[in-house]
Amino acid sequence: MRTILLKDGAAEALIVPALGAGLASYDFMSRGRREPLFRPCRELARAQPFDLANNLLVPWSNRISGGGFHFRGRFHALPPNLTGEPAPIHGNGFSSAWTPVETSAVSATLTLESDGPGPYKYAAEVRYALEAGALSVRLRVANRGEDALPFGLGLHPWLPRTPRATLRARATTVTLEDRFHLPAGQAPVASLADWDFSAPRRLPDTWINNDFSPWDGYADIVWTDRDLRLSIEADEAVSAYILYAPGPAADHFCFEPVTHLVDAHNRPGGPEANGMAILETGDELAIACRFVPGRP
């Protein structure tokens, strides 16, 4: 499987074009050793997209209920796209083969032309770049279809979970979920002490798989038991994050910077009110995130 290695002396990142242009690893090279910042892919030769260290989410993030969505008087059907998932999830960018168009020792640009899923026809581009160990990711999508549609973008890093890992990421509202992992109302973050990450807090011991909004675009993950920190900086188009942590027995958790809420297509107020961008033919949506490693 072809890969593209980026390295700048302080960090290395391995891109897998055939698996959604995702990352197989992002490692800090410090004190004479390699320290994973994202959970590394274990067996790349057998890997599926969610075995990777990071996935690209386009043309939307997370689940869509009801088999599709109504928009401007039309219903657009979207079938499930993952085994065991009754709802379509994360678009198709994460599971498509992307084309490298420009590479150097420290950066790479890849593109995707997609006819689908459902009504979506789009062109996407991602640029990864390393600078002094920091990883910048710029992701954009352009509507190539004949009709205006709601679009969204996101990143899906898989992070190592350790007993003393803490997260700080300020938000005011959390969406609750039902047994299908779809929205079931909202609550103030301050009313749920174990989920209030306005100050550094360890991950809860129970399942969490929820969107948080509005997010101020900054997060800080500290592994005190590893003497390691990762700061996340996102631009203003990234208005929410999803935190997925299945429990302390797991070796990972996910902090996903996204533009919109779960099932934004079908939530009250419509997709735009829930963070999606309405793109007419030729319009574009872009996001940028930066991951900065260091010491606590």
C-alpha atoms as a PDB file:
ATOM      1  CA  MET A   1       0.000   0.000   0.000  1.00  0.00           C
ATOM      2  CA  ARG A   2       1.515   3.316  -1.066  1.00  0.00           C
ATOM      3  CA  THR A   3       2.301   5.790   1.692  1.00  0.00           C
ATOM      4  CA  ILE A   4       3.713   9.303   1.859  1.00  0.00           C
ATOM      5  CA  LEU A   5       6.075  10.069   4.742  1.00  0.00           C
ATOM      6  CA  LEU A   6       6.400  13.626   6.004  1.00  0.00           C
ATOM      7  CA  LYS A   7       9.210  14.455   8.430  1.00  0.00           C
ATOM      8  CA  ASP A   8      10.785  17.666   9.648  1.00  0.00           C
ATOM      9  CA  GLY A   9      13.171  16.380  12.310  1.00  0.00           C
ATOM     10  CA  ALA A  10      10.724  17.084  15.135  1.00  0.00           C
ATOM     11  CA  ALA A  11       7.792  14.931  13.975  1.00  0.00           C
ATOM     12  CA  GLU A  12       6.757  12.413  11.340  1.00  0.00           C
ATOM     13  CA  ALA A  13       3.372  11.791   9.715  1.00  0.00           C
ATOM     14  CA  LEU A  14       2.484   8.918   7.382  1.00  0.00           C
ATOM     15  CA  ILE A  15      -0.301   9.475   4.810  1.00  0.00           C
ATOM     16  CA  VAL A  16      -2.225   6.618   3.167  1.00  0.00           C
ATOM     17  CA  PRO A  17      -3.808   7.915  -0.071  1.00  0.00           C
ATOM     18  CA  ALA A  18      -5.813   4.722  -0.757  1.00  0.00           C
ATOM     19  CA  LEU A  19      -7.491   4.833   2.675  1.00  0.00           C
ATOM     20  CA  GLY A  20      -9.200   8.188   2.478  1.00  0.00           C
ATOM     21  CA  ALA A  21      -5.928  10.146   2.542  1.00  0.00           C
ATOM     22  CA  GLY A  22      -5.901   9.360   6.256  1.00  0.00           C
ATOM     23  CA  LEU A  23      -2.855   9.194   8.479  1.00  0.00           C
ATOM     24  CA  ALA A  24      -1.339   5.912   9.620  1.00  0.00           C
ATOM     25  CA  SER A  25       0.671   7.763  12.269  1.00  0.00           C
ATOM     26  CA  TYR A  26       1.697  11.136  13.646  1.00  0.00           C
ATOM     27  CA  ASP A  27       4.678  10.858  15.993  1.00  0.00           C
ATOM     28  CA  PHE A  28       6.758  13.293  18.033  1.00  0.00           C
ATOM     29  CA  MET A  29      10.493  12.666  17.630  1.00  0.00           C
ATOM     30  CA  SER A  30      11.918  13.850  20.925  1.00  0.00           C
ATOM     31  CA  ARG A  31      14.537  12.860  23.498  1.00  0.00           C
ATOM     32  CA  GLY A  32      15.843  10.213  21.152  1.00  0.00           C
ATOM     33  CA  ARG A  33      12.580   8.312  20.876  1.00  0.00           C
ATOM     34  CA  ARG A  34       9.334   8.168  18.905  1.00  0.00           C
ATOM     35  CA  GLU A  35       6.237   9.194  20.858  1.00  0.00           C
ATOM     36  CA  PRO A  36       2.834   8.654  19.184  1.00  0.00           C
ATOM     37  CA  LEU A  37       0.610  11.733  19.225  1.00  0.00           C
ATOM     38  CA  PHE A  38      -2.153   9.901  17.347  1.00  0.00           C
ATOM     39  CA  ARG A  39      -2.852   6.215  17.941  1.00  0.00           C
ATOM     40  CA  PRO A  40      -0.727   4.502  15.275  1.00  0.00           C
ATOM     41  CA  CYS A  41      -2.129   1.990  12.811  1.00  0.00           C
ATOM     42  CA  ARG A  42      -0.967  -1.475  13.858  1.00  0.00           C
ATOM     43  CA  GLU A  43      -1.153  -3.497  10.632  1.00  0.00           C
ATOM     44  CA  LEU A  44      -1.270  -1.190   7.666  1.00  0.00           C
ATOM     45  CA  ALA A  45      -1.335  -4.025   5.118  1.00  0.00           C
ATOM     46  CA  ARG A  46      -4.700  -5.190   6.541  1.00  0.00           C
ATOM     47  CA  ALA A  47      -6.016  -1.833   7.683  1.00  0.00           C
ATOM     48  CA  GLN A  48      -9.496  -0.458   7.213  1.00  0.00           C
ATOM     49  CA  PRO A  49     -10.029   3.311   7.452  1.00  0.00           C
ATOM     50  CA  PHE A  50     -10.877   3.380  11.166  1.00  0.00           C
ATOM     51  CA  ASP A  51      -7.707   1.460  11.970  1.00  0.00           C
ATOM     52  CA  LEU A  52      -5.814   4.601  10.995  1.00  0.00           C
ATOM     53  CA  ALA A  53      -4.585   7.446  13.182  1.00  0.00           C
ATOM     54  CA  ASN A  54      -6.737  10.115  11.525  1.00  0.00           C
ATOM     55  CA  ASN A  55      -9.614  10.200   9.039  1.00  0.00           C
ATOM     56  CA  LEU A  56     -10.954  12.993   6.827  1.00  0.00           C
ATOM     57  CA  LEU A  57     -14.700  13.629   7.054  1.00  0.00           C
ATOM     58  CA  VAL A  58     -16.293  14.924   3.838  1.00  0.00           C
ATOM     59  CA  PRO A  59     -18.928  15.867   2.672  1.00  0.00           C
ATOM     60  CA  TRP A  60     -20.363  15.615   6.185  1.00  0.00           C
ATOM     61  CA  SER A  61     -19.498  14.404   9.689  1.00  0.00           C
ATOM     62  CA  ASN A  62     -21.189  11.689  11.741  1.00  0.00           C
ATOM     63  CA  ARG A  63     -24.650  10.172  11.282  1.00  0.00           C
ATOM     64  CA  ILE A  64     -27.729  11.165   9.270  1.00  0.00           C
ATOM     65  CA  SER A  65     -31.073   9.812  10.463  1.00  0.00           C
ATOM     66  CA  GLY A  66     -34.117   8.722   8.481  1.00  0.00           C
ATOM     67  CA  GLY A  67     -32.305   7.263   5.486  1.00  0.00           C
ATOM     68  CA  GLY A  68     -31.502  10.711   4.120  1.00  0.00           C
ATOM     69  CA  PHE A  69     -32.731  14.286   4.377  1.00  0.00           C
ATOM     70  CA  HIS A  70     -35.196  16.803   2.969  1.00  0.00           C
ATOM     71  CA  PHE A  71     -33.752  19.985   1.508  1.00  0.00           C
ATOM     72  CA  ARG A  72     -35.525  22.690  -0.488  1.00  0.00           C
ATOM     73  CA  GLY A  73     -38.559  20.533  -1.118  1.00  0.00           C
ATOM     74  CA  ARG A  74     -36.753  17.333  -2.117  1.00  0.00           C
ATOM     75  CA  PHE A  75     -35.861  14.182  -0.243  1.00  0.00           C
ATOM     76  CA  HIS A  76     -32.325  12.929  -0.813  1.00  0.00           C
ATOM     77  CA  ALA A  77     -31.846   9.266   0.076  1.00  0.00           C
ATOM     78  CA  LEU A  78     -28.558   8.119   1.593  1.00  0.00           C
ATOM     79  CA  PRO A  79     -28.011   4.403   2.267  1.00  0.00           C
ATOM     80  CA  PRO A  80     -25.909   3.062   5.171  1.00  0.00           C
ATOM     81  CA  ASN A  81     -22.229   2.865   4.283  1.00  0.00           C
ATOM     82  CA  LEU A  82     -20.678   0.819   7.116  1.00  0.00           C
ATOM     83  CA  THR A  83     -21.411  -2.723   8.230  1.00  0.00           C
ATOM     84  CA  GLY A  84     -23.397  -2.650  11.463  1.00  0.00           C
ATOM     85  CA  GLU A  85     -24.328   1.024  11.109  1.00  0.00           C
ATOM     86  CA  PRO A  86     -28.005   1.603  10.264  1.00  0.00           C
ATOM     87  CA  ALA A  87     -27.373   5.273   9.416  1.00  0.00           C
ATOM     88  CA  PRO A  88     -25.018   6.724   6.815  1.00  0.00           C
ATOM     89  CA  ILE A  89     -21.976   8.110   8.599  1.00  0.00           C
ATOM     90  CA  HIS A  90     -19.033  10.431   7.827  1.00  0.00           C
ATOM     91  CA  GLY A  91     -19.668  10.776   4.089  1.00  0.00           C
ATOM     92  CA  ASN A  92     -17.355   8.853   1.776  1.00  0.00           C
ATOM     93  CA  GLY A  93     -14.086  10.771   1.761  1.00  0.00           C
ATOM     94  CA  PHE A  94     -12.698   8.583   4.543  1.00  0.00           C
ATOM     95  CA  SER A  95     -13.243   5.407   2.480  1.00  0.00           C
ATOM     96  CA  SER A  96     -12.197   6.682  -0.955  1.00  0.00           C
ATOM     97  CA  ALA A  97      -8.809   6.624  -2.697  1.00  0.00           C
ATOM     98  CA  TRP A  98      -7.298  10.100  -3.030  1.00  0.00           C
ATOM     99  CA  THR A  99      -4.736  11.256  -5.590  1.00  0.00           C
ATOM    100  CA  PRO A 100      -1.447  12.870  -4.521  1.00  0.00           C
ATOM    101  CA  VAL A 101      -0.821  15.985  -6.614  1.00  0.00           C
ATOM    102  CA  GLU A 102       2.101  17.612  -4.798  1.00  0.00           C
ATOM    103  CA  THR A 103       4.568  16.268  -2.241  1.00  0.00           C
ATOM    104  CA  SER A 104       7.730  17.405  -0.487  1.00  0.00           C
ATOM    105  CA  ALA A 105       9.665  16.268   2.564  1.00  0.00           C
ATOM    106  CA  VAL A 106       7.347  18.226   4.857  1.00  0.00           C
ATOM    107  CA  SER A 107       4.032  18.626   2.991  1.00  0.00           C
ATOM    108  CA  ALA A 108       1.609  16.842   0.687  1.00  0.00           C
ATOM    109  CA  THR A 109      -1.544  17.791  -1.178  1.00  0.00           C
ATOM    110  CA  LEU A 110      -4.094  15.175  -2.268  1.00  0.00           C
ATOM    111  CA  THR A 111      -7.386  15.489  -4.132  1.00  0.00           C
ATOM    112  CA  LEU A 112     -10.614  13.548  -4.579  1.00  0.00           C
ATOM    113  CA  GLU A 113     -13.326  13.801  -7.235  1.00  0.00           C
ATOM    114  CA  SER A 114     -16.516  12.089  -6.058  1.00  0.00           C
ATOM    115  CA  ASP A 115     -19.808  11.293  -7.783  1.00  0.00           C
ATOM    116  CA  GLY A 116     -21.820  10.536  -4.652  1.00  0.00           C
ATOM    117  CA  PRO A 117     -22.821   9.503  -2.091  1.00  0.00           C
ATOM    118  CA  GLY A 118     -26.464  10.157  -2.924  1.00  0.00           C
ATOM    119  CA  PRO A 119     -26.915  13.641  -4.362  1.00  0.00           C
ATOM    120  CA  TYR A 120     -23.383  14.764  -3.511  1.00  0.00           C
ATOM    121  CA  LYS A 121     -20.965  15.461  -6.348  1.00  0.00           C
ATOM    122  CA  TYR A 122     -17.888  17.238  -5.149  1.00  0.00           C
ATOM    123  CA  ALA A 123     -14.180  17.911  -5.393  1.00  0.00           C
ATOM    124  CA  ALA A 124     -12.102  17.806  -2.209  1.00  0.00           C
ATOM    125  CA  GLU A 125      -8.523  18.691  -1.387  1.00  0.00           C
ATOM    126  CA  VAL A 126      -6.382  18.146   1.699  1.00  0.00           C
ATOM    127  CA  ARG A 127      -2.971  19.583   2.485  1.00  0.00           C
ATOM    128  CA  TYR A 128      -0.862  18.190   5.301  1.00  0.00           C
ATOM    129  CA  ALA A 129       2.239  20.081   6.426  1.00  0.00           C
ATOM    130  CA  LEU A 130       4.788  19.760   9.228  1.00  0.00           C
ATOM    131  CA  GLU A 131       6.609  22.718  10.751  1.00  0.00           C
ATOM    132  CA  ALA A 132       8.724  22.393  13.906  1.00  0.00           C
ATOM    133  CA  GLY A 133       6.740  19.264  14.751  1.00  0.00           C
ATOM    134  CA  ALA A 134       3.331  20.904  14.397  1.00  0.00           C
ATOM    135  CA  LEU A 135       0.928  19.291  11.928  1.00  0.00           C
ATOM    136  CA  SER A 136      -1.329  21.571   9.882  1.00  0.00           C
ATOM    137  CA  VAL A 137      -4.309  20.097   8.053  1.00  0.00           C
ATOM    138  CA  ARG A 138      -6.280  22.147   5.537  1.00  0.00           C
ATOM    139  CA  LEU A 139      -9.352  20.461   4.076  1.00  0.00           C
ATOM    140  CA  ARG A 140     -11.711  21.947   1.513  1.00  0.00           C
ATOM    141  CA  VAL A 141     -14.671  20.821  -0.561  1.00  0.00           C
ATOM    142  CA  ALA A 142     -16.363  22.320  -3.617  1.00  0.00           C
ATOM    143  CA  ASN A 143     -19.883  21.491  -4.784  1.00  0.00           C
ATOM    144  CA  ARG A 144     -19.723  20.107  -8.334  1.00  0.00           C
ATOM    145  CA  GLY A 145     -23.388  19.094  -8.455  1.00  0.00           C
ATOM    146  CA  GLU A 146     -26.252  20.919 -10.137  1.00  0.00           C
ATOM    147  CA  ASP A 147     -28.148  21.569  -6.899  1.00  0.00           C
ATOM    148  CA  ALA A 148     -27.334  23.452  -3.734  1.00  0.00           C
ATOM    149  CA  LEU A 149     -26.730  21.111  -0.794  1.00  0.00           C
ATOM    150  CA  PRO A 150     -25.634  21.293   2.851  1.00  0.00           C
ATOM    151  CA  PHE A 151     -21.975  20.381   3.264  1.00  0.00           C
ATOM    152  CA  GLY A 152     -19.800  19.790   6.306  1.00  0.00           C
ATOM    153  CA  LEU A 153     -16.216  18.891   7.080  1.00  0.00           C
ATOM    154  CA  GLY A 154     -14.274  17.404   9.956  1.00  0.00           C
ATOM    155  CA  LEU A 155     -11.190  15.593  11.162  1.00  0.00           C
ATOM    156  CA  HIS A 156     -11.250  12.352  13.120  1.00  0.00           C
ATOM    157  CA  PRO A 157      -7.996  11.858  15.059  1.00  0.00           C
ATOM    158  CA  TRP A 158      -7.628   8.718  17.180  1.00  0.00           C
ATOM    159  CA  LEU A 159      -5.623   9.621  20.277  1.00  0.00           C
ATOM    160  CA  PRO A 160      -3.818   7.383  22.772  1.00  0.00           C
ATOM    161  CA  ARG A 161      -5.728   6.986  26.023  1.00  0.00           C
ATOM    162  CA  THR A 162      -3.738   6.638  29.228  1.00  0.00           C
ATOM    163  CA  PRO A 163      -4.963   6.637  32.847  1.00  0.00           C
ATOM    164  CA  ARG A 164      -3.833  10.216  33.463  1.00  0.00           C
ATOM    165  CA  ALA A 165      -4.737  11.827  30.157  1.00  0.00           C
ATOM    166  CA  THR A 166      -6.652  15.103  30.525  1.00  0.00           C
ATOM    167  CA  LEU A 167      -8.634  17.230  28.092  1.00  0.00           C
ATOM    168  CA  ARG A 168      -9.454  20.928  28.074  1.00  0.00           C
ATOM    169  CA  ALA A 169     -11.920  22.093  25.406  1.00  0.00           C
ATOM    170  CA  ARG A 170     -14.440  24.812  26.238  1.00  0.00           C
ATOM    171  CA  ALA A 171     -18.057  24.533  25.077  1.00  0.00           C
ATOM    172  CA  THR A 172     -21.421  25.474  26.556  1.00  0.00           C
ATOM    173  CA  THR A 173     -23.842  22.850  25.196  1.00  0.00           C
ATOM    174  CA  VAL A 174     -23.671  19.096  24.715  1.00  0.00           C
ATOM    175  CA  THR A 175     -26.020  16.998  22.584  1.00  0.00           C
ATOM    176  CA  LEU A 176     -27.279  13.845  24.273  1.00  0.00           C
ATOM    177  CA  GLU A 177     -27.634  10.664  22.238  1.00  0.00           C
ATOM    178  CA  ASP A 178     -30.112   7.820  21.960  1.00  0.00           C
ATOM    179  CA  ARG A 179     -29.298   4.118  21.554  1.00  0.00           C
ATOM    180  CA  PHE A 180     -28.759   4.662  17.824  1.00  0.00           C
ATOM    181  CA  HIS A 181     -26.180   7.403  18.548  1.00  0.00           C
ATOM    182  CA  LEU A 182     -28.528  10.062  17.208  1.00  0.00           C
ATOM    183  CA  PRO A 183     -29.512  13.313  18.957  1.00  0.00           C
ATOM    184  CA  ALA A 184     -31.791  13.067  21.990  1.00  0.00           C
ATOM    185  CA  GLY A 185     -31.935  16.639  23.238  1.00  0.00           C
ATOM    186  CA  GLN A 186     -29.292  18.969  24.607  1.00  0.00           C
ATOM    187  CA  ALA A 187     -27.999  19.977  28.026  1.00  0.00           C
ATOM    188  CA  PRO A 188     -25.733  22.692  29.417  1.00  0.00           C
ATOM    189  CA  VAL A 189     -22.218  21.355  29.773  1.00  0.00           C
ATOM    190  CA  ALA A 190     -22.057  22.894  33.252  1.00  0.00           C
ATOM    191  CA  SER A 191     -24.889  20.577  34.368  1.00  0.00           C
ATOM    192  CA  LEU A 192     -22.801  17.470  33.639  1.00  0.00           C
ATOM    193  CA  ALA A 193     -19.715  17.716  35.826  1.00  0.00           C
ATOM    194  CA  ASP A 194     -17.875  14.754  34.298  1.00  0.00           C
ATOM    195  CA  TRP A 195     -18.315  16.239  30.816  1.00  0.00           C
ATOM    196  CA  ASP A 196     -17.302  19.809  31.604  1.00  0.00           C
ATOM    197  CA  PHE A 197     -13.908  20.272  29.997  1.00  0.00           C
ATOM    198  CA  SER A 198     -13.699  24.033  30.499  1.00  0.00           C
ATOM    199  CA  ALA A 199     -10.758  23.173  32.763  1.00  0.00           C
ATOM    200  CA  PRO A 200      -8.441  20.168  32.349  1.00  0.00           C
ATOM    201  CA  ARG A 201     -10.333  17.006  33.253  1.00  0.00           C
ATOM    202  CA  ARG A 202      -9.703  13.302  32.901  1.00  0.00           C
ATOM    203  CA  LEU A 203     -11.944  11.437  30.499  1.00  0.00           C
ATOM    204  CA  PRO A 204     -15.058   9.908  32.075  1.00  0.00           C
ATOM    205  CA  ASP A 205     -15.038   6.232  33.009  1.00  0.00           C
ATOM    206  CA  THR A 206     -18.335   5.758  31.167  1.00  0.00           C
ATOM    207  CA  TRP A 207     -19.155   5.839  27.452  1.00  0.00           C
ATOM    208  CA  ILE A 208     -19.192   9.249  25.781  1.00  0.00           C
ATOM    209  CA  ASN A 209     -19.970   9.913  22.102  1.00  0.00           C
ATOM    210  CA  ASN A 210     -21.382  13.441  21.958  1.00  0.00           C
ATOM    211  CA  ASP A 211     -21.038  16.741  20.156  1.00  0.00           C
ATOM    212  CA  PHE A 212     -20.096  19.888  22.078  1.00  0.00           C
ATOM    213  CA  SER A 213     -20.804  23.413  20.883  1.00  0.00           C
ATOM    214  CA  PRO A 214     -20.128  26.212  20.402  1.00  0.00           C
ATOM    215  CA  TRP A 215     -16.435  25.453  20.646  1.00  0.00           C
ATOM    216  CA  ASP A 216     -13.856  28.237  20.870  1.00  0.00           C
ATOM    217  CA  GLY A 217     -11.480  26.362  18.550  1.00  0.00           C
ATOM    218  CA  TYR A 218      -8.815  25.473  21.098  1.00  0.00           C
ATOM    219  CA  ALA A 219      -8.178  22.204  22.934  1.00  0.00           C
ATOM    220  CA  ASP A 220      -5.366  20.919  25.076  1.00  0.00           C
ATOM    221  CA  ILE A 221      -4.621  17.235  25.697  1.00  0.00           C
ATOM    222  CA  VAL A 222      -2.032  16.408  28.344  1.00  0.00           C
ATOM    223  CA  TRP A 223      -0.689  12.944  29.056  1.00  0.00           C
ATOM    224  CA  THR A 224       0.950  13.630  32.412  1.00  0.00           C
ATOM    225  CA  ASP A 225       2.021   9.987  32.603  1.00  0.00           C
ATOM    226  CA  ARG A 226       3.868  10.464  29.299  1.00  0.00           C
ATOM    227  CA  ASP A 227       5.156  14.001  29.961  1.00  0.00           C
ATOM    228  CA  LEU A 228       3.520  14.988  26.685  1.00  0.00           C
ATOM    229  CA  ARG A 229       1.041  17.593  25.466  1.00  0.00           C
ATOM    230  CA  LEU A 230      -0.883  18.137  22.238  1.00  0.00           C
ATOM    231  CA  SER A 231      -2.629  21.435  21.586  1.00  0.00           C
ATOM    232  CA  ILE A 232      -5.290  21.719  18.886  1.00  0.00           C
ATOM    233  CA  GLU A 233      -6.079  24.999  17.149  1.00  0.00           C
ATOM    234  CA  ALA A 234      -8.959  25.266  14.662  1.00  0.00           C
ATOM    235  CA  ASP A 235     -10.256  28.149  12.581  1.00  0.00           C
ATOM    236  CA  GLU A 236     -13.686  29.720  13.072  1.00  0.00           C
ATOM    237  CA  ALA A 237     -15.400  27.450  10.527  1.00  0.00           C
ATOM    238  CA  VAL A 238     -14.868  24.597  13.011  1.00  0.00           C
ATOM    239  CA  SER A 239     -17.639  25.383  15.472  1.00  0.00           C
ATOM    240  CA  ALA A 240     -17.998  22.098  17.369  1.00  0.00           C
ATOM    241  CA  TYR A 241     -16.187  18.997  18.462  1.00  0.00           C
ATOM    242  CA  ILE A 242     -17.246  15.405  18.995  1.00  0.00           C
ATOM    243  CA  LEU A 243     -15.722  13.486  21.868  1.00  0.00           C
ATOM    244  CA  TYR A 244     -15.777   9.718  21.561  1.00  0.00           C
ATOM    245  CA  ALA A 245     -14.351   7.660  24.420  1.00  0.00           C
ATOM    246  CA  PRO A 246     -15.720   4.129  24.844  1.00  0.00           C
ATOM    247  CA  GLY A 247     -14.235   3.663  28.321  1.00  0.00           C
ATOM    248  CA  PRO A 248     -11.005   3.259  30.288  1.00  0.00           C
ATOM    249  CA  ALA A 249     -10.335  -0.224  28.896  1.00  0.00           C
ATOM    250  CA  ALA A 250      -9.904   1.235  25.397  1.00  0.00           C
ATOM    251  CA  ASP A 251      -6.469   2.306  24.237  1.00  0.00           C
ATOM    252  CA  HIS A 252      -7.869   5.333  22.408  1.00  0.00           C
ATOM    253  CA  PHE A 253     -10.295   8.212  22.389  1.00  0.00           C
ATOM    254  CA  CYS A 254     -11.282  10.587  19.597  1.00  0.00           C
ATOM    255  CA  PHE A 255     -11.427  14.366  19.644  1.00  0.00           C
ATOM    256  CA  GLU A 256     -13.045  15.372  16.349  1.00  0.00           C
ATOM    257  CA  PRO A 257     -13.042  19.033  15.224  1.00  0.00           C
ATOM    258  CA  VAL A 258     -16.117  19.452  13.002  1.00  0.00           C
ATOM    259  CA  THR A 259     -18.160  22.179  11.362  1.00  0.00           C
ATOM    260  CA  HIS A 260     -21.595  20.953  12.410  1.00  0.00           C
ATOM    261  CA  LEU A 261     -23.634  18.954  14.907  1.00  0.00           C
ATOM    262  CA  VAL A 262     -24.600  15.291  14.644  1.00  0.00           C
ATOM    263  CA  ASP A 263     -27.531  14.773  12.221  1.00  0.00           C
ATOM    264  CA  ALA A 264     -27.465  18.481  11.363  1.00  0.00           C
ATOM    265  CA  HIS A 265     -29.319  17.687   8.113  1.00  0.00           C
ATOM    266  CA  ASN A 266     -32.459  16.735  10.061  1.00  0.00           C
ATOM    267  CA  ARG A 267     -32.313  18.741  13.273  1.00  0.00           C
ATOM    268  CA  PRO A 268     -34.809  21.509  14.124  1.00  0.00           C
ATOM    269  CA  GLY A 269     -33.936  24.708  12.340  1.00  0.00           C
ATOM    270  CA  GLY A 270     -32.371  22.900   9.407  1.00  0.00           C
ATOM    271  CA  PRO A 271     -28.789  22.128   8.434  1.00  0.00           C
ATOM    272  CA  GLU A 272     -27.509  25.694   8.256  1.00  0.00           C
ATOM    273  CA  ALA A 273     -28.761  26.508  11.760  1.00  0.00           C
ATOM    274  CA  ASN A 274     -26.831  23.482  13.011  1.00  0.00           C
ATOM    275  CA  GLY A 275     -23.500  24.393  11.458  1.00  0.00           C
ATOM    276  CA  MET A 276     -23.617  23.164   7.868  1.00  0.00           C
ATOM    277  CA  ALA A 277     -22.680  25.342   4.911  1.00  0.00           C
ATOM    278  CA  ILE A 278     -25.155  25.599   2.028  1.00  0.00           C
ATOM    279  CA  LEU A 279     -23.051  25.389  -1.110  1.00  0.00           C
ATOM    280  CA  GLU A 280     -24.439  26.372  -4.481  1.00  0.00           C
ATOM    281  CA  THR A 281     -22.770  24.883  -7.555  1.00  0.00           C
ATOM    282  CA  GLY A 282     -19.107  25.889  -7.493  1.00  0.00           C
ATOM    283  CA  ASP A 283     -19.134  27.161  -3.903  1.00  0.00           C
ATOM    284  CA  GLU A 284     -16.468  25.962  -1.472  1.00  0.00           C
ATOM    285  CA  LEU A 285     -16.111  25.248   2.233  1.00  0.00           C
ATOM    286  CA  ALA A 286     -12.689  25.016   3.894  1.00  0.00           C
ATOM    287  CA  ILE A 287     -11.316  24.339   7.364  1.00  0.00           C
ATOM    288  CA  ALA A 288      -7.885  24.437   8.925  1.00  0.00           C
ATOM    289  CA  CYS A 289      -6.612  22.732  12.081  1.00  0.00           C
ATOM    290  CA  ARG A 290      -3.175  22.703  13.662  1.00  0.00           C
ATOM    291  CA  PHE A 291      -1.834  20.114  16.089  1.00  0.00           C
ATOM    292  CA  VAL A 292       1.065  21.328  18.206  1.00  0.00           C
ATOM    293  CA  PRO A 293       3.069  18.889  20.350  1.00  0.00           C
ATOM    294  CA  GLY A 294       5.117  19.820  23.388  1.00  0.00           C
ATOM    295  CA  ARG A 295       5.751  19.176  27.064  1.00  0.00           C
ATOM    296  CA  PRO A 296       3.348  19.980  29.929  1.00  0.00           C
END
